[in-house]
Amino acid sequence: MEIQVREHVVRAQIIKISGRLEAFTVGGLRDRQEQLIGAGEKYFVVDLRQTTFMDSAGMSALVSLLKRARQAGGDVVLVRPSHAKAYRILTLTRFDQVFTMVEDIGAALELF
């Protein structure tokens, strides 16, 4: 008989974005990302369920987070936006193929 036991614990930061993620609002997200990356965090769940709109500046911030997390050996998982406009921009720009995208936070955390 063989028995294997393995504990897998990963610390993940959950970033919830409500409202519009655009050029006028993205500065706060970028600042917070810098703080978290600077503190050594590398696993992130970005909850976009309450995000109503995204522009190129907001999407750029998500790509930057993904790049920095992966350079540190981590990853970013997106929770799918509930609002059609926000989801459509992610599919039109093929972000749904670059990022792992799931339906809820629990599913995202299971991926780590």
PDB file of N, CA and C in Angstrom:
ATOM      1  N   MET A   1       0.844  -1.183   0.000  1.00  0.00           N
ATOM      2  CA  MET A   1       0.000   0.000   0.000  1.00  0.00           C
ATOM      3  C   MET A   1       0.883   1.238   0.000  1.00  0.00           C
ATOM      4  N   GLU A   2       0.409   2.261  -0.666  1.00  0.00           N
ATOM      5  CA  GLU A   2       1.132   3.539  -0.697  1.00  0.00           C
ATOM      6  C   GLU A   2       0.160   4.643  -0.307  1.00  0.00           C
ATOM      7  N   ILE A   3       0.588   5.486   0.587  1.00  0.00           N
ATOM      8  CA  ILE A   3      -0.219   6.618   1.014  1.00  0.00           C
ATOM      9  C   ILE A   3       0.598   7.881   0.815  1.00  0.00           C
ATOM     10  N   GLN A   4      -0.011   8.842   0.144  1.00  0.00           N
ATOM     11  CA  GLN A   4       0.653  10.115  -0.061  1.00  0.00           C
ATOM     12  C   GLN A   4      -0.220  11.217   0.520  1.00  0.00           C
ATOM     13  N   VAL A   5       0.383  12.071   1.264  1.00  0.00           N
ATOM     14  CA  VAL A   5      -0.309  13.217   1.823  1.00  0.00           C
ATOM     15  C   VAL A   5       0.473  14.455   1.436  1.00  0.00           C
ATOM     16  N   ARG A   6      -0.242  15.410   0.914  1.00  0.00           N
ATOM     17  CA  ARG A   6       0.420  16.636   0.501  1.00  0.00           C
ATOM     18  C   ARG A   6      -0.465  17.809   0.862  1.00  0.00           C
ATOM     19  N   GLU A   7       0.081  18.737   1.569  1.00  0.00           N
ATOM     20  CA  GLU A   7      -0.648  19.954   1.894  1.00  0.00           C
ATOM     21  C   GLU A   7      -0.249  21.027   0.886  1.00  0.00           C
ATOM     22  N   HIS A   8      -1.245  21.650   0.347  1.00  0.00           N
ATOM     23  CA  HIS A   8      -0.989  22.696  -0.646  1.00  0.00           C
ATOM     24  C   HIS A   8      -1.700  23.961  -0.178  1.00  0.00           C
ATOM     25  N   VAL A   9      -0.936  24.877   0.333  1.00  0.00           N
ATOM     26  CA  VAL A   9      -1.496  26.133   0.830  1.00  0.00           C
ATOM     27  C   VAL A   9      -0.876  27.270   0.029  1.00  0.00           C
ATOM     28  N   VAL A  10      -1.722  28.067  -0.567  1.00  0.00           N
ATOM     29  CA  VAL A  10      -1.259  29.212  -1.341  1.00  0.00           C
ATOM     30  C   VAL A  10      -1.985  30.447  -0.825  1.00  0.00           C
ATOM     31  N   ARG A  11      -1.235  31.472  -0.583  1.00  0.00           N
ATOM     32  CA  ARG A  11      -1.820  32.739  -0.156  1.00  0.00           C
ATOM     33  C   ARG A  11      -2.153  33.539  -1.406  1.00  0.00           C
ATOM     34  N   ALA A  12      -3.424  33.866  -1.579  1.00  0.00           N
ATOM     35  CA  ALA A  12      -3.870  34.622  -2.750  1.00  0.00           C
ATOM     36  C   ALA A  12      -4.556  35.902  -2.304  1.00  0.00           C
ATOM     37  N   GLN A  13      -4.294  36.959  -3.030  1.00  0.00           N
ATOM     38  CA  GLN A  13      -4.924  38.248  -2.778  1.00  0.00           C
ATOM     39  C   GLN A  13      -6.150  38.367  -3.682  1.00  0.00           C
ATOM     40  N   ILE A  14      -7.292  38.711  -3.097  1.00  0.00           N
ATOM     41  CA  ILE A  14      -8.516  38.881  -3.868  1.00  0.00           C
ATOM     42  C   ILE A  14      -8.757  40.384  -4.036  1.00  0.00           C
ATOM     43  N   ILE A  15      -8.758  40.809  -5.285  1.00  0.00           N
ATOM     44  CA  ILE A  15      -8.965  42.223  -5.616  1.00  0.00           C
ATOM     45  C   ILE A  15     -10.342  42.339  -6.253  1.00  0.00           C
ATOM     46  N   LYS A  16     -11.261  43.011  -5.578  1.00  0.00           N
ATOM     47  CA  LYS A  16     -12.619  43.194  -6.091  1.00  0.00           C
ATOM     48  C   LYS A  16     -12.727  44.585  -6.685  1.00  0.00           C
ATOM     49  N   ILE A  17     -13.180  44.642  -7.927  1.00  0.00           N
ATOM     50  CA  ILE A  17     -13.311  45.923  -8.615  1.00  0.00           C
ATOM     51  C   ILE A  17     -14.786  46.156  -8.924  1.00  0.00           C
ATOM     52  N   SER A  18     -15.336  47.199  -8.345  1.00  0.00           N
ATOM     53  CA  SER A  18     -16.733  47.571  -8.575  1.00  0.00           C
ATOM     54  C   SER A  18     -16.776  48.865  -9.370  1.00  0.00           C
ATOM     55  N   GLY A  19     -17.727  48.957 -10.285  1.00  0.00           N
ATOM     56  CA  GLY A  19     -17.874  50.177 -11.078  1.00  0.00           C
ATOM     57  C   GLY A  19     -17.026  50.147 -12.337  1.00  0.00           C
ATOM     58  N   ARG A  20     -16.581  51.307 -12.727  1.00  0.00           N
ATOM     59  CA  ARG A  20     -15.837  51.465 -13.981  1.00  0.00           C
ATOM     60  C   ARG A  20     -14.331  51.353 -13.745  1.00  0.00           C
ATOM     61  N   LEU A  21     -13.671  50.557 -14.568  1.00  0.00           N
ATOM     62  CA  LEU A  21     -12.218  50.428 -14.542  1.00  0.00           C
ATOM     63  C   LEU A  21     -11.705  51.112 -15.802  1.00  0.00           C
ATOM     64  N   GLU A  22     -11.314  52.376 -15.638  1.00  0.00           N
ATOM     65  CA  GLU A  22     -10.968  53.200 -16.800  1.00  0.00           C
ATOM     66  C   GLU A  22      -9.827  54.148 -16.450  1.00  0.00           C
ATOM     67  N   ALA A  23      -9.425  54.929 -17.412  1.00  0.00           N
ATOM     68  CA  ALA A  23      -8.284  55.833 -17.251  1.00  0.00           C
ATOM     69  C   ALA A  23      -8.416  56.733 -16.028  1.00  0.00           C
ATOM     70  N   PHE A  24      -9.610  57.171 -15.710  1.00  0.00           N
ATOM     71  CA  PHE A  24      -9.811  58.088 -14.590  1.00  0.00           C
ATOM     72  C   PHE A  24      -9.757  57.397 -13.231  1.00  0.00           C
ATOM     73  N   THR A  25      -9.939  56.081 -13.206  1.00  0.00           N
ATOM     74  CA  THR A  25     -10.009  55.359 -11.931  1.00  0.00           C
ATOM     75  C   THR A  25      -8.897  54.343 -11.734  1.00  0.00           C
ATOM     76  N   VAL A  26      -8.138  54.064 -12.762  1.00  0.00           N
ATOM     77  CA  VAL A  26      -7.170  52.971 -12.715  1.00  0.00           C
ATOM     78  C   VAL A  26      -5.961  53.261 -11.817  1.00  0.00           C
ATOM     79  N   GLY A  27      -5.697  54.512 -11.524  1.00  0.00           N
ATOM     80  CA  GLY A  27      -4.541  54.868 -10.697  1.00  0.00           C
ATOM     81  C   GLY A  27      -4.557  54.192  -9.339  1.00  0.00           C
ATOM     82  N   GLY A  28      -5.723  54.111  -8.717  1.00  0.00           N
ATOM     83  CA  GLY A  28      -5.842  53.452  -7.419  1.00  0.00           C
ATOM     84  C   GLY A  28      -5.514  51.972  -7.508  1.00  0.00           C
ATOM     85  N   LEU A  29      -5.958  51.340  -8.585  1.00  0.00           N
ATOM     86  CA  LEU A  29      -5.656  49.917  -8.779  1.00  0.00           C
ATOM     87  C   LEU A  29      -4.159  49.721  -8.994  1.00  0.00           C
ATOM     88  N   ARG A  30      -3.563  50.543  -9.811  1.00  0.00           N
ATOM     89  CA  ARG A  30      -2.115  50.419 -10.055  1.00  0.00           C
ATOM     90  C   ARG A  30      -1.312  50.620  -8.764  1.00  0.00           C
ATOM     91  N   ASP A  31      -1.708  51.602  -7.963  1.00  0.00           N
ATOM     92  CA  ASP A  31      -1.012  51.842  -6.694  1.00  0.00           C
ATOM     93  C   ASP A  31      -1.119  50.627  -5.780  1.00  0.00           C
ATOM     94  N   ARG A  32      -2.297  50.068  -5.685  1.00  0.00           N
ATOM     95  CA  ARG A  32      -2.508  48.903  -4.809  1.00  0.00           C
ATOM     96  C   ARG A  32      -1.732  47.694  -5.316  1.00  0.00           C
ATOM     97  N   GLN A  33      -1.702  47.510  -6.625  1.00  0.00           N
ATOM     98  CA  GLN A  33      -0.922  46.418  -7.215  1.00  0.00           C
ATOM     99  C   GLN A  33       0.549  46.547  -6.841  1.00  0.00           C
ATOM    100  N   GLU A  34       1.076  47.758  -6.939  1.00  0.00           N
ATOM    101  CA  GLU A  34       2.480  47.993  -6.599  1.00  0.00           C
ATOM    102  C   GLU A  34       2.754  47.628  -5.145  1.00  0.00           C
ATOM    103  N   GLN A  35       1.854  48.011  -4.255  1.00  0.00           N
ATOM    104  CA  GLN A  35       2.020  47.683  -2.833  1.00  0.00           C
ATOM    105  C   GLN A  35       2.042  46.174  -2.627  1.00  0.00           C
ATOM    106  N   LEU A  36       1.118  45.469  -3.264  1.00  0.00           N
ATOM    107  CA  LEU A  36       1.026  44.020  -3.079  1.00  0.00           C
ATOM    108  C   LEU A  36       2.230  43.290  -3.673  1.00  0.00           C
ATOM    109  N   ILE A  37       2.615  43.660  -4.876  1.00  0.00           N
ATOM    110  CA  ILE A  37       3.789  43.041  -5.512  1.00  0.00           C
ATOM    111  C   ILE A  37       5.036  43.356  -4.691  1.00  0.00           C
ATOM    112  N   GLY A  38       5.153  44.596  -4.241  1.00  0.00           N
ATOM    113  CA  GLY A  38       6.291  44.996  -3.414  1.00  0.00           C
ATOM    114  C   GLY A  38       6.372  44.225  -2.111  1.00  0.00           C
ATOM    115  N   ALA A  39       5.232  43.784  -1.601  1.00  0.00           N
ATOM    116  CA  ALA A  39       5.188  43.005  -0.363  1.00  0.00           C
ATOM    117  C   ALA A  39       5.429  41.518  -0.608  1.00  0.00           C
ATOM    118  N   GLY A  40       5.687  41.150  -1.868  1.00  0.00           N
ATOM    119  CA  GLY A  40       6.002  39.758  -2.180  1.00  0.00           C
ATOM    120  C   GLY A  40       4.818  38.904  -2.580  1.00  0.00           C
ATOM    121  N   GLU A  41       3.659  39.507  -2.738  1.00  0.00           N
ATOM    122  CA  GLU A  41       2.488  38.728  -3.158  1.00  0.00           C
ATOM    123  C   GLU A  41       2.629  38.364  -4.627  1.00  0.00           C
ATOM    124  N   LYS A  42       2.136  37.175  -4.995  1.00  0.00           N
ATOM    125  CA  LYS A  42       2.273  36.754  -6.391  1.00  0.00           C
ATOM    126  C   LYS A  42       1.069  35.990  -6.931  1.00  0.00           C
ATOM    127  N   TYR A  43       0.092  35.706  -6.103  1.00  0.00           N
ATOM    128  CA  TYR A  43      -1.128  35.042  -6.549  1.00  0.00           C
ATOM    129  C   TYR A  43      -2.305  35.988  -6.342  1.00  0.00           C
ATOM    130  N   PHE A  44      -3.059  36.205  -7.412  1.00  0.00           N
ATOM    131  CA  PHE A  44      -4.135  37.181  -7.370  1.00  0.00           C
ATOM    132  C   PHE A  44      -5.395  36.644  -8.028  1.00  0.00           C
ATOM    133  N   VAL A  45      -6.520  36.937  -7.402  1.00  0.00           N
ATOM    134  CA  VAL A  45      -7.837  36.732  -7.989  1.00  0.00           C
ATOM    135  C   VAL A  45      -8.420  38.125  -8.160  1.00  0.00           C
ATOM    136  N   VAL A  46      -8.780  38.469  -9.386  1.00  0.00           N
ATOM    137  CA  VAL A  46      -9.395  39.774  -9.645  1.00  0.00           C
ATOM    138  C   VAL A  46     -10.875  39.522  -9.903  1.00  0.00           C
ATOM    139  N   ASP A  47     -11.693  39.950  -8.941  1.00  0.00           N
ATOM    140  CA  ASP A  47     -13.133  39.759  -8.997  1.00  0.00           C
ATOM    141  C   ASP A  47     -13.752  40.900  -9.791  1.00  0.00           C
ATOM    142  N   LEU A  48     -14.194  40.590 -10.997  1.00  0.00           N
ATOM    143  CA  LEU A  48     -14.764  41.598 -11.898  1.00  0.00           C
ATOM    144  C   LEU A  48     -16.285  41.503 -11.969  1.00  0.00           C
ATOM    145  N   ARG A  49     -16.910  40.751 -11.079  1.00  0.00           N
ATOM    146  CA  ARG A  49     -18.364  40.556 -11.165  1.00  0.00           C
ATOM    147  C   ARG A  49     -19.132  41.873 -11.100  1.00  0.00           C
ATOM    148  N   GLN A  50     -18.630  42.850 -10.375  1.00  0.00           N
ATOM    149  CA  GLN A  50     -19.326  44.131 -10.242  1.00  0.00           C
ATOM    150  C   GLN A  50     -18.694  45.235 -11.087  1.00  0.00           C
ATOM    151  N   THR A  51     -17.815  44.867 -11.994  1.00  0.00           N
ATOM    152  CA  THR A  51     -17.193  45.837 -12.901  1.00  0.00           C
ATOM    153  C   THR A  51     -18.168  46.090 -14.050  1.00  0.00           C
ATOM    154  N   THR A  52     -18.530  47.343 -14.252  1.00  0.00           N
ATOM    155  CA  THR A  52     -19.542  47.668 -15.258  1.00  0.00           C
ATOM    156  C   THR A  52     -18.960  48.056 -16.611  1.00  0.00           C
ATOM    157  N   PHE A  53     -17.692  48.487 -16.615  1.00  0.00           N
ATOM    158  CA  PHE A  53     -17.068  48.960 -17.851  1.00  0.00           C
ATOM    159  C   PHE A  53     -15.560  48.907 -17.691  1.00  0.00           C
ATOM    160  N   MET A  54     -14.850  48.618 -18.789  1.00  0.00           N
ATOM    161  CA  MET A  54     -13.390  48.658 -18.805  1.00  0.00           C
ATOM    162  C   MET A  54     -12.928  49.317 -20.085  1.00  0.00           C
ATOM    163  N   ASP A  55     -11.889  50.126 -19.962  1.00  0.00           N
ATOM    164  CA  ASP A  55     -11.260  50.673 -21.162  1.00  0.00           C
ATOM    165  C   ASP A  55      -9.832  50.147 -21.260  1.00  0.00           C
ATOM    166  N   SER A  56      -9.095  50.644 -22.226  1.00  0.00           N
ATOM    167  CA  SER A  56      -7.744  50.121 -22.464  1.00  0.00           C
ATOM    168  C   SER A  56      -6.819  50.360 -21.273  1.00  0.00           C
ATOM    169  N   ALA A  57      -7.010  51.442 -20.536  1.00  0.00           N
ATOM    170  CA  ALA A  57      -6.162  51.703 -19.362  1.00  0.00           C
ATOM    171  C   ALA A  57      -6.404  50.648 -18.280  1.00  0.00           C
ATOM    172  N   GLY A  58      -7.654  50.307 -18.058  1.00  0.00           N
ATOM    173  CA  GLY A  58      -7.972  49.269 -17.079  1.00  0.00           C
ATOM    174  C   GLY A  58      -7.437  47.917 -17.500  1.00  0.00           C
ATOM    175  N   MET A  59      -7.576  47.613 -18.769  1.00  0.00           N
ATOM    176  CA  MET A  59      -7.079  46.327 -19.270  1.00  0.00           C
ATOM    177  C   MET A  59      -5.556  46.276 -19.201  1.00  0.00           C
ATOM    178  N   SER A  60      -4.907  47.402 -19.432  1.00  0.00           N
ATOM    179  CA  SER A  60      -3.455  47.477 -19.323  1.00  0.00           C
ATOM    180  C   SER A  60      -2.999  47.172 -17.899  1.00  0.00           C
ATOM    181  N   ALA A  61      -3.749  47.661 -16.910  1.00  0.00           N
ATOM    182  CA  ALA A  61      -3.409  47.389 -15.508  1.00  0.00           C
ATOM    183  C   ALA A  61      -3.514  45.899 -15.208  1.00  0.00           C
ATOM    184  N   LEU A  62      -4.517  45.228 -15.785  1.00  0.00           N
ATOM    185  CA  LEU A  62      -4.658  43.784 -15.583  1.00  0.00           C
ATOM    186  C   LEU A  62      -3.494  43.021 -16.219  1.00  0.00           C
ATOM    187  N   VAL A  63      -3.101  43.432 -17.419  1.00  0.00           N
ATOM    188  CA  VAL A  63      -1.965  42.782 -18.094  1.00  0.00           C
ATOM    189  C   VAL A  63      -0.684  42.993 -17.295  1.00  0.00           C
ATOM    190  N   SER A  64      -0.494  44.185 -16.781  1.00  0.00           N
ATOM    191  CA  SER A  64       0.687  44.476 -15.973  1.00  0.00           C
ATOM    192  C   SER A  64       0.734  43.585 -14.734  1.00  0.00           C
ATOM    193  N   LEU A  65      -0.403  43.425 -14.077  1.00  0.00           N
ATOM    194  CA  LEU A  65      -0.458  42.555 -12.903  1.00  0.00           C
ATOM    195  C   LEU A  65      -0.127  41.119 -13.282  1.00  0.00           C
ATOM    196  N   LEU A  66      -0.678  40.647 -14.383  1.00  0.00           N
ATOM    197  CA  LEU A  66      -0.408  39.278 -14.840  1.00  0.00           C
ATOM    198  C   LEU A  66       1.083  39.086 -15.124  1.00  0.00           C
ATOM    199  N   LYS A  67       1.665  40.018 -15.827  1.00  0.00           N
ATOM    200  CA  LYS A  67       3.084  39.924 -16.175  1.00  0.00           C
ATOM    201  C   LYS A  67       3.959  39.881 -14.928  1.00  0.00           C
ATOM    202  N   ARG A  68       3.704  40.784 -13.993  1.00  0.00           N
ATOM    203  CA  ARG A  68       4.524  40.849 -12.773  1.00  0.00           C
ATOM    204  C   ARG A  68       4.318  39.627 -11.894  1.00  0.00           C
ATOM    205  N   ALA A  69       3.088  39.153 -11.809  1.00  0.00           N
ATOM    206  CA  ALA A  69       2.817  37.957 -11.001  1.00  0.00           C
ATOM    207  C   ALA A  69       3.529  36.751 -11.589  1.00  0.00           C
ATOM    208  N   ARG A  70       3.459  36.579 -12.884  1.00  0.00           N
ATOM    209  CA  ARG A  70       4.109  35.423 -13.522  1.00  0.00           C
ATOM    210  C   ARG A  70       5.629  35.518 -13.432  1.00  0.00           C
ATOM    211  N   GLN A  71       6.185  36.712 -13.513  1.00  0.00           N
ATOM    212  CA  GLN A  71       7.632  36.868 -13.345  1.00  0.00           C
ATOM    213  C   GLN A  71       8.066  36.426 -11.952  1.00  0.00           C
ATOM    214  N   ALA A  72       7.186  36.578 -10.978  1.00  0.00           N
ATOM    215  CA  ALA A  72       7.493  36.190  -9.599  1.00  0.00           C
ATOM    216  C   ALA A  72       7.136  34.724  -9.327  1.00  0.00           C
ATOM    217  N   GLY A  73       6.660  34.010 -10.352  1.00  0.00           N
ATOM    218  CA  GLY A  73       6.290  32.609 -10.177  1.00  0.00           C
ATOM    219  C   GLY A  73       4.840  32.403  -9.777  1.00  0.00           C
ATOM    220  N   GLY A  74       4.031  33.455  -9.881  1.00  0.00           N
ATOM    221  CA  GLY A  74       2.624  33.377  -9.498  1.00  0.00           C
ATOM    222  C   GLY A  74       1.709  33.427 -10.700  1.00  0.00           C
ATOM    223  N   ASP A  75       0.472  33.870 -10.461  1.00  0.00           N
ATOM    224  CA  ASP A  75      -0.505  33.944 -11.544  1.00  0.00           C
ATOM    225  C   ASP A  75      -1.666  34.842 -11.141  1.00  0.00           C
ATOM    226  N   VAL A  76      -2.505  35.139 -12.115  1.00  0.00           N
ATOM    227  CA  VAL A  76      -3.710  35.944 -11.911  1.00  0.00           C
ATOM    228  C   VAL A  76      -4.876  35.186 -12.531  1.00  0.00           C
ATOM    229  N   VAL A  77      -5.974  35.100 -11.797  1.00  0.00           N
ATOM    230  CA  VAL A  77      -7.205  34.506 -12.304  1.00  0.00           C
ATOM    231  C   VAL A  77      -8.293  35.575 -12.219  1.00  0.00           C
ATOM    232  N   LEU A  78      -9.063  35.705 -13.285  1.00  0.00           N
ATOM    233  CA  LEU A  78     -10.151  36.671 -13.316  1.00  0.00           C
ATOM    234  C   LEU A  78     -11.476  35.984 -13.024  1.00  0.00           C
ATOM    235  N   VAL A  79     -12.303  36.634 -12.205  1.00  0.00           N
ATOM    236  CA  VAL A  79     -13.681  36.196 -12.020  1.00  0.00           C
ATOM    237  C   VAL A  79     -14.516  36.975 -13.024  1.00  0.00           C
ATOM    238  N   ARG A  80     -15.230  36.264 -13.840  1.00  0.00           N
ATOM    239  CA  ARG A  80     -15.971  36.804 -14.981  1.00  0.00           C
ATOM    240  C   ARG A  80     -16.917  37.945 -14.588  1.00  0.00           C
ATOM    241  N   PRO A  81     -16.878  39.048 -15.357  1.00  0.00           N
ATOM    242  CA  PRO A  81     -17.808  40.152 -15.094  1.00  0.00           C
ATOM    243  C   PRO A  81     -19.257  39.720 -15.316  1.00  0.00           C
ATOM    244  N   SER A  82     -20.145  40.211 -14.474  1.00  0.00           N
ATOM    245  CA  SER A  82     -21.577  39.943 -14.631  1.00  0.00           C
ATOM    246  C   SER A  82     -22.195  40.857 -15.680  1.00  0.00           C
ATOM    247  N   HIS A  83     -21.614  42.034 -15.854  1.00  0.00           N
ATOM    248  CA  HIS A  83     -22.156  43.013 -16.792  1.00  0.00           C
ATOM    249  C   HIS A  83     -21.680  42.718 -18.216  1.00  0.00           C
ATOM    250  N   ALA A  84     -22.626  42.705 -19.124  1.00  0.00           N
ATOM    251  CA  ALA A  84     -22.342  42.311 -20.507  1.00  0.00           C
ATOM    252  C   ALA A  84     -21.271  43.171 -21.168  1.00  0.00           C
ATOM    253  N   LYS A  85     -21.300  44.489 -20.949  1.00  0.00           N
ATOM    254  CA  LYS A  85     -20.313  45.373 -21.588  1.00  0.00           C
ATOM    255  C   LYS A  85     -18.893  45.045 -21.139  1.00  0.00           C
ATOM    256  N   ALA A  86     -18.722  44.810 -19.860  1.00  0.00           N
ATOM    257  CA  ALA A  86     -17.388  44.494 -19.352  1.00  0.00           C
ATOM    258  C   ALA A  86     -16.920  43.135 -19.857  1.00  0.00           C
ATOM    259  N   TYR A  87     -17.816  42.173 -19.910  1.00  0.00           N
ATOM    260  CA  TYR A  87     -17.440  40.849 -20.397  1.00  0.00           C
ATOM    261  C   TYR A  87     -17.129  40.884 -21.887  1.00  0.00           C
ATOM    262  N   ARG A  88     -17.933  41.622 -22.635  1.00  0.00           N
ATOM    263  CA  ARG A  88     -17.738  41.686 -24.083  1.00  0.00           C
ATOM    264  C   ARG A  88     -16.363  42.231 -24.438  1.00  0.00           C
ATOM    265  N   ILE A  89     -15.894  43.254 -23.740  1.00  0.00           N
ATOM    266  CA  ILE A  89     -14.575  43.814 -24.054  1.00  0.00           C
ATOM    267  C   ILE A  89     -13.470  42.785 -23.798  1.00  0.00           C
ATOM    268  N   LEU A  90     -13.649  41.951 -22.782  1.00  0.00           N
ATOM    269  CA  LEU A  90     -12.651  40.912 -22.510  1.00  0.00           C
ATOM    270  C   LEU A  90     -12.624  39.857 -23.611  1.00  0.00           C
ATOM    271  N   THR A  91     -13.778  39.508 -24.145  1.00  0.00           N
ATOM    272  CA  THR A  91     -13.800  38.495 -25.203  1.00  0.00           C
ATOM    273  C   THR A  91     -13.366  39.074 -26.545  1.00  0.00           C
ATOM    274  N   LEU A  92     -13.758  40.327 -26.823  1.00  0.00           N
ATOM    275  CA  LEU A  92     -13.356  40.949 -28.095  1.00  0.00           C
ATOM    276  C   LEU A  92     -11.843  41.112 -28.186  1.00  0.00           C
ATOM    277  N   THR A  93     -11.214  41.391 -27.069  1.00  0.00           N
ATOM    278  CA  THR A  93      -9.762  41.581 -27.044  1.00  0.00           C
ATOM    279  C   THR A  93      -9.009  40.294 -26.726  1.00  0.00           C
ATOM    280  N   ARG A  94      -9.744  39.211 -26.604  1.00  0.00           N
ATOM    281  CA  ARG A  94      -9.198  37.867 -26.340  1.00  0.00           C
ATOM    282  C   ARG A  94      -8.506  37.738 -24.988  1.00  0.00           C
ATOM    283  N   PHE A  95      -8.889  38.585 -24.055  1.00  0.00           N
ATOM    284  CA  PHE A  95      -8.365  38.447 -22.692  1.00  0.00           C
ATOM    285  C   PHE A  95      -8.786  37.113 -22.087  1.00  0.00           C
ATOM    286  N   ASP A  96      -9.933  36.611 -22.528  1.00  0.00           N
ATOM    287  CA  ASP A  96     -10.411  35.327 -22.022  1.00  0.00           C
ATOM    288  C   ASP A  96      -9.508  34.174 -22.461  1.00  0.00           C
ATOM    289  N   GLN A  97      -8.606  34.424 -23.401  1.00  0.00           N
ATOM    290  CA  GLN A  97      -7.642  33.414 -23.821  1.00  0.00           C
ATOM    291  C   GLN A  97      -6.274  33.633 -23.186  1.00  0.00           C
ATOM    292  N   VAL A  98      -6.019  34.837 -22.712  1.00  0.00           N
ATOM    293  CA  VAL A  98      -4.748  35.158 -22.059  1.00  0.00           C
ATOM    294  C   VAL A  98      -4.826  34.841 -20.568  1.00  0.00           C
ATOM    295  N   PHE A  99      -5.939  35.222 -19.965  1.00  0.00           N
ATOM    296  CA  PHE A  99      -6.167  34.987 -18.543  1.00  0.00           C
ATOM    297  C   PHE A  99      -7.025  33.747 -18.352  1.00  0.00           C
ATOM    298  N   THR A 100      -6.858  33.096 -17.228  1.00  0.00           N
ATOM    299  CA  THR A 100      -7.825  32.088 -16.823  1.00  0.00           C
ATOM    300  C   THR A 100      -9.011  32.854 -16.255  1.00  0.00           C
ATOM    301  N   MET A 101     -10.213  32.520 -16.730  1.00  0.00           N
ATOM    302  CA  MET A 101     -11.407  33.222 -16.281  1.00  0.00           C
ATOM    303  C   MET A 101     -12.405  32.195 -15.757  1.00  0.00           C
ATOM    304  N   VAL A 102     -12.920  32.452 -14.554  1.00  0.00           N
ATOM    305  CA  VAL A 102     -13.850  31.525 -13.914  1.00  0.00           C
ATOM    306  C   VAL A 102     -15.094  32.279 -13.457  1.00  0.00           C
ATOM    307  N   GLU A 103     -16.071  31.529 -12.946  1.00  0.00           N
ATOM    308  CA  GLU A 103     -17.361  32.114 -12.572  1.00  0.00           C
ATOM    309  C   GLU A 103     -17.410  32.688 -11.157  1.00  0.00           C
ATOM    310  N   ASP A 104     -16.574  32.176 -10.241  1.00  0.00           N
ATOM    311  CA  ASP A 104     -16.646  32.675  -8.859  1.00  0.00           C
ATOM    312  C   ASP A 104     -15.290  32.566  -8.179  1.00  0.00           C
ATOM    313  N   ILE A 105     -15.194  33.195  -7.026  1.00  0.00           N
ATOM    314  CA  ILE A 105     -13.931  33.255  -6.289  1.00  0.00           C
ATOM    315  C   ILE A 105     -13.477  31.866  -5.853  1.00  0.00           C
ATOM    316  N   GLY A 106     -14.412  31.031  -5.420  1.00  0.00           N
ATOM    317  CA  GLY A 106     -14.062  29.682  -4.989  1.00  0.00           C
ATOM    318  C   GLY A 106     -13.373  28.896  -6.099  1.00  0.00           C
ATOM    319  N   ALA A 107     -13.902  28.976  -7.304  1.00  0.00           N
ATOM    320  CA  ALA A 107     -13.288  28.283  -8.439  1.00  0.00           C
ATOM    321  C   ALA A 107     -11.900  28.847  -8.736  1.00  0.00           C
ATOM    322  N   ALA A 108     -11.753  30.151  -8.579  1.00  0.00           N
ATOM    323  CA  ALA A 108     -10.450  30.778  -8.814  1.00  0.00           C
ATOM    324  C   ALA A 108      -9.413  30.276  -7.812  1.00  0.00           C
ATOM    325  N   LEU A 109      -9.785  30.238  -6.548  1.00  0.00           N
ATOM    326  CA  LEU A 109      -8.846  29.811  -5.513  1.00  0.00           C
ATOM    327  C   LEU A 109      -8.434  28.352  -5.686  1.00  0.00           C
ATOM    328  N   GLU A 110      -9.330  27.527  -6.197  1.00  0.00           N
ATOM    329  CA  GLU A 110      -8.990  26.119  -6.432  1.00  0.00           C
ATOM    330  C   GLU A 110      -7.882  25.948  -7.459  1.00  0.00           C
ATOM    331  N   LEU A 111      -7.726  26.911  -8.343  1.00  0.00           N
ATOM    332  CA  LEU A 111      -6.707  26.819  -9.398  1.00  0.00           C
ATOM    333  C   LEU A 111      -5.284  27.012  -8.857  1.00  0.00           C
ATOM    334  N   PHE A 112      -5.169  27.617  -7.681  1.00  0.00           N
ATOM    335  CA  PHE A 112      -3.851  27.796  -7.089  1.00  0.00           C
ATOM    336  C   PHE A 112      -3.560  26.587  -6.267  1.00  0.00           C
TER     337      PHE A 112
END
